[in-house]
Amino acid sequence: QLYNLAGDAISTGASTNLVDLRTTTTGGSSIFTAGDV
């Protein structure tokens, strides 16, 4: 399960940017940052 910046589980209906993608509902760092390849 992956979550967005607000702690909600990602879904097809709600677009999530990669820089906001996290592995936990609260806290933790984003998996991606701008400029990553």
Full PDB file with SEQRES, HELIX, SHEET, SSBOND, CRYST1, ORIGX, SCALE, CONECT and MASTER records, all heavy atoms in Angstrom:
SEQRES   1 A   37  GLN LEU TYR ASN LEU ALA GLY ASP ALA ILE SER THR GLY          
SEQRES   2 A   37  ALA SER THR ASN LEU VAL ASP LEU ARG THR THR THR THR          
SEQRES   3 A   37  GLY GLY SER SER ILE PHE THR ALA GLY ASP VAL                  
HELIX    1 AA1 LEU A   18  ASP A   20  5                                   3    
CRYST1    1.000    1.000    1.000  90.00  90.00  90.00 P 1           1          
ORIGX1      1.000000  0.000000  0.000000        0.00000                         
ORIGX2      0.000000  1.000000  0.000000        0.00000                         
ORIGX3      0.000000  0.000000  1.000000        0.00000                         
SCALE1      1.000000  0.000000  0.000000        0.00000                         
SCALE2      0.000000  1.000000  0.000000        0.00000                         
SCALE3      0.000000  0.000000  1.000000        0.00000                         
ATOM      1  N   GLN A   1       0.832  -1.199   0.000  1.00  0.00           N  
ATOM      2  CA  GLN A   1       0.000   0.000   0.000  1.00  0.00           C  
ATOM      3  C   GLN A   1       0.868   1.251   0.000  1.00  0.00           C  
ATOM      4  O   GLN A   1       1.864   1.338   0.717  1.00  0.00           O  
ATOM      5  CB  GLN A   1      -0.926   0.005   1.207  1.00  0.00           C  
ATOM      6  CG  GLN A   1      -2.161  -0.886   1.021  1.00  0.00           C  
ATOM      7  CD  GLN A   1      -3.276  -0.505   1.958  1.00  0.00           C  
ATOM      8  OE1 GLN A   1      -3.040  -0.133   3.104  1.00  0.00           O  
ATOM      9  NE2 GLN A   1      -4.508  -0.584   1.489  1.00  0.00           N  
ATOM     10  N   LEU A   2       0.449   2.202  -0.809  1.00  0.00           N  
ATOM     11  CA  LEU A   2       1.157   3.473  -0.930  1.00  0.00           C  
ATOM     12  C   LEU A   2       0.175   4.606  -0.628  1.00  0.00           C  
ATOM     13  O   LEU A   2      -1.038   4.484  -0.858  1.00  0.00           O  
ATOM     14  CB  LEU A   2       1.731   3.618  -2.342  1.00  0.00           C  
ATOM     15  CG  LEU A   2       2.744   2.539  -2.767  1.00  0.00           C  
ATOM     16  CD1 LEU A   2       3.075   2.669  -4.251  1.00  0.00           C  
ATOM     17  CD2 LEU A   2       4.024   2.632  -1.931  1.00  0.00           C  
ATOM     18  N   TYR A   3       0.719   5.741  -0.154  1.00  0.00           N  
ATOM     19  CA  TYR A   3      -0.134   6.840   0.326  1.00  0.00           C  
ATOM     20  C   TYR A   3       0.342   8.158  -0.263  1.00  0.00           C  
ATOM     21  O   TYR A   3       1.505   8.311  -0.651  1.00  0.00           O  
ATOM     22  CB  TYR A   3      -0.098   6.899   1.857  1.00  0.00           C  
ATOM     23  CG  TYR A   3      -0.480   5.592   2.518  1.00  0.00           C  
ATOM     24  CD1 TYR A   3       0.488   4.641   2.815  1.00  0.00           C  
ATOM     25  CD2 TYR A   3      -1.806   5.310   2.824  1.00  0.00           C  
ATOM     26  CE1 TYR A   3       0.153   3.429   3.409  1.00  0.00           C  
ATOM     27  CE2 TYR A   3      -2.159   4.108   3.416  1.00  0.00           C  
ATOM     28  CZ  TYR A   3      -1.172   3.167   3.698  1.00  0.00           C  
ATOM     29  OH  TYR A   3      -1.514   1.965   4.279  1.00  0.00           O  
ATOM     30  N   ASN A   4      -0.583   9.126  -0.264  1.00  0.00           N  
ATOM     31  CA  ASN A   4      -0.221  10.466  -0.720  1.00  0.00           C  
ATOM     32  C   ASN A   4       0.182  11.333   0.465  1.00  0.00           C  
ATOM     33  O   ASN A   4       0.238  10.870   1.617  1.00  0.00           O  
ATOM     34  CB  ASN A   4      -1.366  11.105  -1.511  1.00  0.00           C  
ATOM     35  CG  ASN A   4      -2.637  11.228  -0.689  1.00  0.00           C  
ATOM     36  OD1 ASN A   4      -2.599  11.219   0.543  1.00  0.00           O  
ATOM     37  ND2 ASN A   4      -3.785  11.368  -1.367  1.00  0.00           N  
ATOM     38  N   LEU A   5       0.416  12.587   0.205  1.00  0.00           N  
ATOM     39  CA  LEU A   5       0.910  13.504   1.238  1.00  0.00           C  
ATOM     40  C   LEU A   5      -0.092  13.659   2.373  1.00  0.00           C  
ATOM     41  O   LEU A   5       0.298  13.854   3.536  1.00  0.00           O  
ATOM     42  CB  LEU A   5       1.210  14.875   0.603  1.00  0.00           C  
ATOM     43  CG  LEU A   5       1.904  15.907   1.489  1.00  0.00           C  
ATOM     44  CD1 LEU A   5       3.284  15.399   1.925  1.00  0.00           C  
ATOM     45  CD2 LEU A   5       2.057  17.235   0.736  1.00  0.00           C  
ATOM     46  N   ALA A   6      -1.388  13.534   2.078  1.00  0.00           N  
ATOM     47  CA  ALA A   6      -2.425  13.671   3.115  1.00  0.00           C  
ATOM     48  C   ALA A   6      -2.618  12.393   3.913  1.00  0.00           C  
ATOM     49  O   ALA A   6      -3.423  12.369   4.849  1.00  0.00           O  
ATOM     50  CB  ALA A   6      -3.739  14.094   2.470  1.00  0.00           C  
ATOM     51  N   GLY A   7      -1.914  11.324   3.564  1.00  0.00           N  
ATOM     52  CA  GLY A   7      -2.048  10.069   4.273  1.00  0.00           C  
ATOM     53  C   GLY A   7      -3.132   9.174   3.733  1.00  0.00           C  
ATOM     54  O   GLY A   7      -3.452   8.142   4.341  1.00  0.00           O  
ATOM     55  N   ASP A   8      -3.727   9.537   2.599  1.00  0.00           N  
ATOM     56  CA  ASP A   8      -4.766   8.702   1.992  1.00  0.00           C  
ATOM     57  C   ASP A   8      -4.138   7.682   1.046  1.00  0.00           C  
ATOM     58  O   ASP A   8      -3.133   7.959   0.371  1.00  0.00           O  
ATOM     59  CB  ASP A   8      -5.749   9.576   1.213  1.00  0.00           C  
ATOM     60  CG  ASP A   8      -6.449  10.595   2.104  1.00  0.00           C  
ATOM     61  OD1 ASP A   8      -6.753  10.233   3.257  1.00  0.00           O  
ATOM     62  OD2 ASP A   8      -6.671  11.730   1.628  1.00  0.00           O  
ATOM     63  N   ALA A   9      -4.749   6.493   0.973  1.00  0.00           N  
ATOM     64  CA  ALA A   9      -4.296   5.481   0.021  1.00  0.00           C  
ATOM     65  C   ALA A   9      -4.519   5.986  -1.397  1.00  0.00           C  
ATOM     66  O   ALA A   9      -5.573   6.553  -1.713  1.00  0.00           O  
ATOM     67  CB  ALA A   9      -5.036   4.172   0.251  1.00  0.00           C  
ATOM     68  N   ILE A  10      -3.519   5.807  -2.231  1.00  0.00           N  
ATOM     69  CA  ILE A  10      -3.632   6.312  -3.612  1.00  0.00           C  
ATOM     70  C   ILE A  10      -4.697   5.507  -4.355  1.00  0.00           C  
ATOM     71  O   ILE A  10      -4.966   4.345  -4.051  1.00  0.00           O  
ATOM     72  CB  ILE A  10      -2.288   6.241  -4.347  1.00  0.00           C  
ATOM     73  CG1 ILE A  10      -1.807   4.786  -4.458  1.00  0.00           C  
ATOM     74  CG2 ILE A  10      -1.246   7.094  -3.662  1.00  0.00           C  
ATOM     75  CD1 ILE A  10      -0.574   4.622  -5.323  1.00  0.00           C  
ATOM     76  N   SER A  11      -5.301   6.161  -5.360  1.00  0.00           N  
ATOM     77  CA  SER A  11      -6.331   5.507  -6.163  1.00  0.00           C  
ATOM     78  C   SER A  11      -6.312   6.104  -7.552  1.00  0.00           C  
ATOM     79  O   SER A  11      -5.691   7.142  -7.807  1.00  0.00           O  
ATOM     80  CB  SER A  11      -7.710   5.697  -5.524  1.00  0.00           C  
ATOM     81  OG  SER A  11      -8.066   7.080  -5.512  1.00  0.00           O  
ATOM     82  N   THR A  12      -7.024   5.438  -8.447  1.00  0.00           N  
ATOM     83  CA  THR A  12      -7.079   5.912  -9.831  1.00  0.00           C  
ATOM     84  C   THR A  12      -7.799   7.247  -9.927  1.00  0.00           C  
ATOM     85  O   THR A  12      -7.428   8.127 -10.694  1.00  0.00           O  
ATOM     86  CB  THR A  12      -7.792   4.876 -10.725  1.00  0.00           C  
ATOM     87  OG1 THR A  12      -7.107   3.634 -10.628  1.00  0.00           O  
ATOM     88  CG2 THR A  12      -7.812   5.317 -12.174  1.00  0.00           C  
ATOM     89  N   GLY A  13      -8.821   7.447  -9.102  1.00  0.00           N  
ATOM     90  CA  GLY A  13      -9.620   8.660  -9.189  1.00  0.00           C  
ATOM     91  C   GLY A  13      -8.899   9.901  -8.710  1.00  0.00           C  
ATOM     92  O   GLY A  13      -9.166  11.002  -9.182  1.00  0.00           O  
ATOM     93  N   ALA A  14      -7.979   9.752  -7.750  1.00  0.00           N  
ATOM     94  CA  ALA A  14      -7.267  10.917  -7.211  1.00  0.00           C  
ATOM     95  C   ALA A  14      -5.812  10.857  -7.648  1.00  0.00           C  
ATOM     96  O   ALA A  14      -5.054  10.016  -7.176  1.00  0.00           O  
ATOM     97  CB  ALA A  14      -7.361  10.927  -5.683  1.00  0.00           C  
ATOM     98  N   SER A  15      -5.446  11.741  -8.556  1.00  0.00           N  
ATOM     99  CA  SER A  15      -4.084  11.736  -9.075  1.00  0.00           C  
ATOM    100  C   SER A  15      -3.095  12.143  -7.991  1.00  0.00           C  
ATOM    101  O   SER A  15      -3.322  13.096  -7.237  1.00  0.00           O  
ATOM    102  CB  SER A  15      -3.980  12.695 -10.264  1.00  0.00           C  
ATOM    103  OG  SER A  15      -2.652  12.741 -10.746  1.00  0.00           O  
ATOM    104  N   THR A  16      -2.017  11.381  -7.887  1.00  0.00           N  
ATOM    105  CA  THR A  16      -0.971  11.659  -6.906  1.00  0.00           C  
ATOM    106  C   THR A  16       0.349  11.870  -7.621  1.00  0.00           C  
ATOM    107  O   THR A  16       0.743  11.053  -8.453  1.00  0.00           O  
ATOM    108  CB  THR A  16      -0.828  10.486  -5.917  1.00  0.00           C  
ATOM    109  OG1 THR A  16      -2.072  10.281  -5.242  1.00  0.00           O  
ATOM    110  CG2 THR A  16       0.270  10.760  -4.896  1.00  0.00           C  
ATOM    111  N   ASN A  17       1.022  12.992  -7.286  1.00  0.00           N  
ATOM    112  CA  ASN A  17       2.339  13.229  -7.856  1.00  0.00           C  
ATOM    113  C   ASN A  17       3.372  12.349  -7.165  1.00  0.00           C  
ATOM    114  O   ASN A  17       3.259  12.035  -5.976  1.00  0.00           O  
ATOM    115  CB  ASN A  17       2.728  14.696  -7.710  1.00  0.00           C  
ATOM    116  CG  ASN A  17       1.867  15.607  -8.575  1.00  0.00           C  
ATOM    117  OD1 ASN A  17       1.364  15.180  -9.617  1.00  0.00           O  
ATOM    118  ND2 ASN A  17       1.687  16.843  -8.151  1.00  0.00           N  
ATOM    119  N   LEU A  18       4.387  11.951  -7.922  1.00  0.00           N  
ATOM    120  CA  LEU A  18       5.403  11.063  -7.354  1.00  0.00           C  
ATOM    121  C   LEU A  18       6.123  11.700  -6.168  1.00  0.00           C  
ATOM    122  O   LEU A  18       6.511  11.001  -5.224  1.00  0.00           O  
ATOM    123  CB  LEU A  18       6.423  10.675  -8.440  1.00  0.00           C  
ATOM    124  CG  LEU A  18       5.905   9.758  -9.559  1.00  0.00           C  
ATOM    125  CD1 LEU A  18       7.031   9.447 -10.548  1.00  0.00           C  
ATOM    126  CD2 LEU A  18       5.342   8.468  -8.995  1.00  0.00           C  
ATOM    127  N   VAL A  19       6.301  13.011  -6.193  1.00  0.00           N  
ATOM    128  CA  VAL A  19       7.022  13.665  -5.096  1.00  0.00           C  
ATOM    129  C   VAL A  19       6.210  13.645  -3.804  1.00  0.00           C  
ATOM    130  O   VAL A  19       6.744  13.938  -2.728  1.00  0.00           O  
ATOM    131  CB  VAL A  19       7.394  15.118  -5.476  1.00  0.00           C  
ATOM    132  CG1 VAL A  19       8.405  15.136  -6.623  1.00  0.00           C  
ATOM    133  CG2 VAL A  19       6.146  15.923  -5.846  1.00  0.00           C  
ATOM    134  N   ASP A  20       4.909  13.292  -3.885  1.00  0.00           N  
ATOM    135  CA  ASP A  20       4.053  13.194  -2.697  1.00  0.00           C  
ATOM    136  C   ASP A  20       3.825  11.749  -2.267  1.00  0.00           C  
ATOM    137  O   ASP A  20       3.086  11.500  -1.306  1.00  0.00           O  
ATOM    138  CB  ASP A  20       2.689  13.848  -2.963  1.00  0.00           C  
ATOM    139  CG  ASP A  20       2.806  15.333  -3.245  1.00  0.00           C  
ATOM    140  OD1 ASP A  20       3.759  15.954  -2.724  1.00  0.00           O  
ATOM    141  OD2 ASP A  20       1.961  15.860  -4.000  1.00  0.00           O  
ATOM    142  N   LEU A  21       4.450  10.794  -2.940  1.00  0.00           N  
ATOM    143  CA  LEU A  21       4.196   9.379  -2.691  1.00  0.00           C  
ATOM    144  C   LEU A  21       4.989   8.890  -1.476  1.00  0.00           C  
ATOM    145  O   LEU A  21       6.196   9.126  -1.360  1.00  0.00           O  
ATOM    146  CB  LEU A  21       4.575   8.557  -3.928  1.00  0.00           C  
ATOM    147  CG  LEU A  21       4.026   7.132  -4.022  1.00  0.00           C  
ATOM    148  CD1 LEU A  21       2.508   7.152  -4.077  1.00  0.00           C  
ATOM    149  CD2 LEU A  21       4.592   6.432  -5.258  1.00  0.00           C  
ATOM    150  N   ARG A  22       4.279   8.198  -0.547  1.00  0.00           N  
ATOM    151  CA  ARG A  22       4.900   7.700   0.686  1.00  0.00           C  
ATOM    152  C   ARG A  22       4.472   6.268   0.959  1.00  0.00           C  
ATOM    153  O   ARG A  22       3.491   5.786   0.402  1.00  0.00           O  
ATOM    154  CB  ARG A  22       4.509   8.593   1.873  1.00  0.00           C  
ATOM    155  CG  ARG A  22       5.211   9.957   1.857  1.00  0.00           C  
ATOM    156  CD  ARG A  22       4.565  10.924   2.827  1.00  0.00           C  
ATOM    157  NE  ARG A  22       5.373  12.108   3.059  1.00  0.00           N  
ATOM    158  CZ  ARG A  22       5.552  13.079   2.179  1.00  0.00           C  
ATOM    159  NH1 ARG A  22       4.974  13.011   0.992  1.00  0.00           N  
ATOM    160  NH2 ARG A  22       6.318  14.120   2.466  1.00  0.00           N  
ATOM    161  N   THR A  23       5.231   5.611   1.820  1.00  0.00           N  
ATOM    162  CA  THR A  23       4.912   4.220   2.186  1.00  0.00           C  
ATOM    163  C   THR A  23       4.132   4.134   3.493  1.00  0.00           C  
ATOM    164  O   THR A  23       3.712   3.051   3.885  1.00  0.00           O  
ATOM    165  CB  THR A  23       6.215   3.403   2.312  1.00  0.00           C  
ATOM    166  OG1 THR A  23       7.063   4.020   3.297  1.00  0.00           O  
ATOM    167  CG2 THR A  23       6.937   3.317   0.976  1.00  0.00           C  
ATOM    168  N   THR A  24       3.939   5.262   4.189  1.00  0.00           N  
ATOM    169  CA  THR A  24       3.196   5.272   5.454  1.00  0.00           C  
ATOM    170  C   THR A  24       2.127   6.355   5.407  1.00  0.00           C  
ATOM    171  O   THR A  24       2.221   7.325   4.637  1.00  0.00           O  
ATOM    172  CB  THR A  24       4.129   5.545   6.641  1.00  0.00           C  
ATOM    173  OG1 THR A  24       4.784   6.806   6.464  1.00  0.00           O  
ATOM    174  CG2 THR A  24       5.188   4.441   6.750  1.00  0.00           C  
ATOM    175  N   THR A  25       1.137   6.211   6.263  1.00  0.00           N  
ATOM    176  CA  THR A  25       0.037   7.187   6.275  1.00  0.00           C  
ATOM    177  C   THR A  25       0.473   8.515   6.857  1.00  0.00           C  
ATOM    178  O   THR A  25      -0.032   9.566   6.458  1.00  0.00           O  
ATOM    179  CB  THR A  25      -1.144   6.633   7.083  1.00  0.00           C  
ATOM    180  OG1 THR A  25      -0.673   6.309   8.408  1.00  0.00           O  
ATOM    181  CG2 THR A  25      -1.712   5.394   6.425  1.00  0.00           C  
ATOM    182  N   THR A  26       1.340   8.512   7.844  1.00  0.00           N  
ATOM    183  CA  THR A  26       1.814   9.755   8.452  1.00  0.00           C  
ATOM    184  C   THR A  26       3.328   9.695   8.578  1.00  0.00           C  
ATOM    185  O   THR A  26       3.930   8.637   8.787  1.00  0.00           O  
ATOM    186  CB  THR A  26       1.217   9.931   9.855  1.00  0.00           C  
ATOM    187  OG1 THR A  26       1.567   8.798  10.667  1.00  0.00           O  
ATOM    188  CG2 THR A  26      -0.298  10.062   9.788  1.00  0.00           C  
ATOM    189  N   GLY A  27       3.914  10.860   8.448  1.00  0.00           N  
ATOM    190  CA  GLY A  27       5.367  10.955   8.610  1.00  0.00           C  
ATOM    191  C   GLY A  27       6.089  10.256   7.475  1.00  0.00           C  
ATOM    192  O   GLY A  27       5.512   9.850   6.472  1.00  0.00           O  
ATOM    193  N   GLY A  28       7.384  10.067   7.681  1.00  0.00           N  
ATOM    194  CA  GLY A  28       8.193   9.429   6.653  1.00  0.00           C  
ATOM    195  C   GLY A  28       8.479  10.382   5.510  1.00  0.00           C  
ATOM    196  O   GLY A  28       7.797  11.394   5.309  1.00  0.00           O  
ATOM    197  N   SER A  29       9.498  10.059   4.758  1.00  0.00           N  
ATOM    198  CA  SER A  29       9.907  10.911   3.647  1.00  0.00           C  
ATOM    199  C   SER A  29       9.300  10.414   2.341  1.00  0.00           C  
ATOM    200  O   SER A  29       8.890   9.253   2.224  1.00  0.00           O  
ATOM    201  CB  SER A  29      11.434  10.930   3.526  1.00  0.00           C  
ATOM    202  OG  SER A  29      11.931   9.627   3.314  1.00  0.00           O  
ATOM    203  N   SER A  30       9.259  11.301   1.388  1.00  0.00           N  
ATOM    204  CA  SER A  30       8.720  10.942   0.073  1.00  0.00           C  
ATOM    205  C   SER A  30       9.686   9.993  -0.633  1.00  0.00           C  
ATOM    206  O   SER A  30      10.906  10.072  -0.466  1.00  0.00           O  
ATOM    207  CB  SER A  30       8.516  12.201  -0.763  1.00  0.00           C  
ATOM    208  OG  SER A  30       8.116  11.866  -2.072  1.00  0.00           O  
ATOM    209  N   ILE A  31       9.105   9.076  -1.415  1.00  0.00           N  
ATOM    210  CA  ILE A  31       9.942   8.126  -2.165  1.00  0.00           C  
ATOM    211  C   ILE A  31      10.724   8.845  -3.257  1.00  0.00           C  
ATOM    212  O   ILE A  31      11.871   8.494  -3.542  1.00  0.00           O  
ATOM    213  CB  ILE A  31       9.063   7.018  -2.775  1.00  0.00           C  
ATOM    214  CG1 ILE A  31       8.316   6.261  -1.671  1.00  0.00           C  
ATOM    215  CG2 ILE A  31       9.888   6.046  -3.612  1.00  0.00           C  
ATOM    216  CD1 ILE A  31       7.310   5.243  -2.191  1.00  0.00           C  
ATOM    217  N   PHE A  32      10.129   9.863  -3.851  1.00  0.00           N  
ATOM    218  CA  PHE A  32      10.744  10.567  -4.975  1.00  0.00           C  
ATOM    219  C   PHE A  32      10.942  12.039  -4.622  1.00  0.00           C  
ATOM    220  O   PHE A  32      10.189  12.616  -3.828  1.00  0.00           O  
ATOM    221  CB  PHE A  32       9.865  10.489  -6.223  1.00  0.00           C  
ATOM    222  CG  PHE A  32       9.607   9.097  -6.721  1.00  0.00           C  
ATOM    223  CD1 PHE A  32       8.486   8.398  -6.304  1.00  0.00           C  
ATOM    224  CD2 PHE A  32      10.482   8.499  -7.610  1.00  0.00           C  
ATOM    225  CE1 PHE A  32       8.230   7.117  -6.769  1.00  0.00           C  
ATOM    226  CE2 PHE A  32      10.228   7.211  -8.083  1.00  0.00           C  
ATOM    227  CZ  PHE A  32       9.115   6.521  -7.657  1.00  0.00           C  
ATOM    228  N   THR A  33      11.934  12.633  -5.247  1.00  0.00           N  
ATOM    229  CA  THR A  33      12.115  14.075  -5.219  1.00  0.00           C  
ATOM    230  C   THR A  33      12.317  14.556  -6.643  1.00  0.00           C  
ATOM    231  O   THR A  33      12.743  13.784  -7.524  1.00  0.00           O  
ATOM    232  CB  THR A  33      13.337  14.478  -4.366  1.00  0.00           C  
ATOM    233  OG1 THR A  33      14.512  13.862  -4.909  1.00  0.00           O  
ATOM    234  CG2 THR A  33      13.155  14.057  -2.917  1.00  0.00           C  
ATOM    235  N   ALA A  34      11.977  15.816  -6.885  1.00  0.00           N  
ATOM    236  CA  ALA A  34      12.128  16.368  -8.225  1.00  0.00           C  
ATOM    237  C   ALA A  34      13.583  16.250  -8.671  1.00  0.00           C  
ATOM    238  O   ALA A  34      14.506  16.542  -7.908  1.00  0.00           O  
ATOM    239  CB  ALA A  34      11.681  17.826  -8.242  1.00  0.00           C  
ATOM    240  N   GLY A  35      13.785  15.813  -9.918  1.00  0.00           N  
ATOM    241  CA  GLY A  35      15.132  15.623 -10.461  1.00  0.00           C  
ATOM    242  C   GLY A  35      15.597  14.182 -10.408  1.00  0.00           C  
ATOM    243  O   GLY A  35      16.608  13.841 -11.051  1.00  0.00           O  
ATOM    244  N   ASP A  36      14.901  13.332  -9.657  1.00  0.00           N  
ATOM    245  CA  ASP A  36      15.267  11.912  -9.634  1.00  0.00           C  
ATOM    246  C   ASP A  36      15.087  11.300 -11.026  1.00  0.00           C  
ATOM    247  O   ASP A  36      14.236  11.719 -11.814  1.00  0.00           O  
ATOM    248  CB  ASP A  36      14.393  11.139  -8.636  1.00  0.00           C  
ATOM    249  CG  ASP A  36      14.819  11.358  -7.196  1.00  0.00           C  
ATOM    250  OD1 ASP A  36      15.955  11.818  -6.984  1.00  0.00           O  
ATOM    251  OD2 ASP A  36      14.015  11.080  -6.285  1.00  0.00           O  
ATOM    252  N   VAL A  37      15.910  10.285 -11.291  1.00  0.00           N  
ATOM    253  CA  VAL A  37      15.817   9.551 -12.561  1.00  0.00           C  
ATOM    254  C   VAL A  37      15.450   8.099 -12.262  1.00  0.00           C  
ATOM    255  O   VAL A  37      16.138   7.419 -11.497  1.00  0.00           O  
ATOM    256  CB  VAL A  37      17.143   9.608 -13.343  1.00  0.00           C  
ATOM    257  CG1 VAL A  37      17.046   8.759 -14.616  1.00  0.00           C  
ATOM    258  CG2 VAL A  37      17.498  11.043 -13.686  1.00  0.00           C  
TER     259      VAL A  37                                                      
MASTER        0    0    0    1    0    0    0    6  258    1    0    3          
END                                                                             
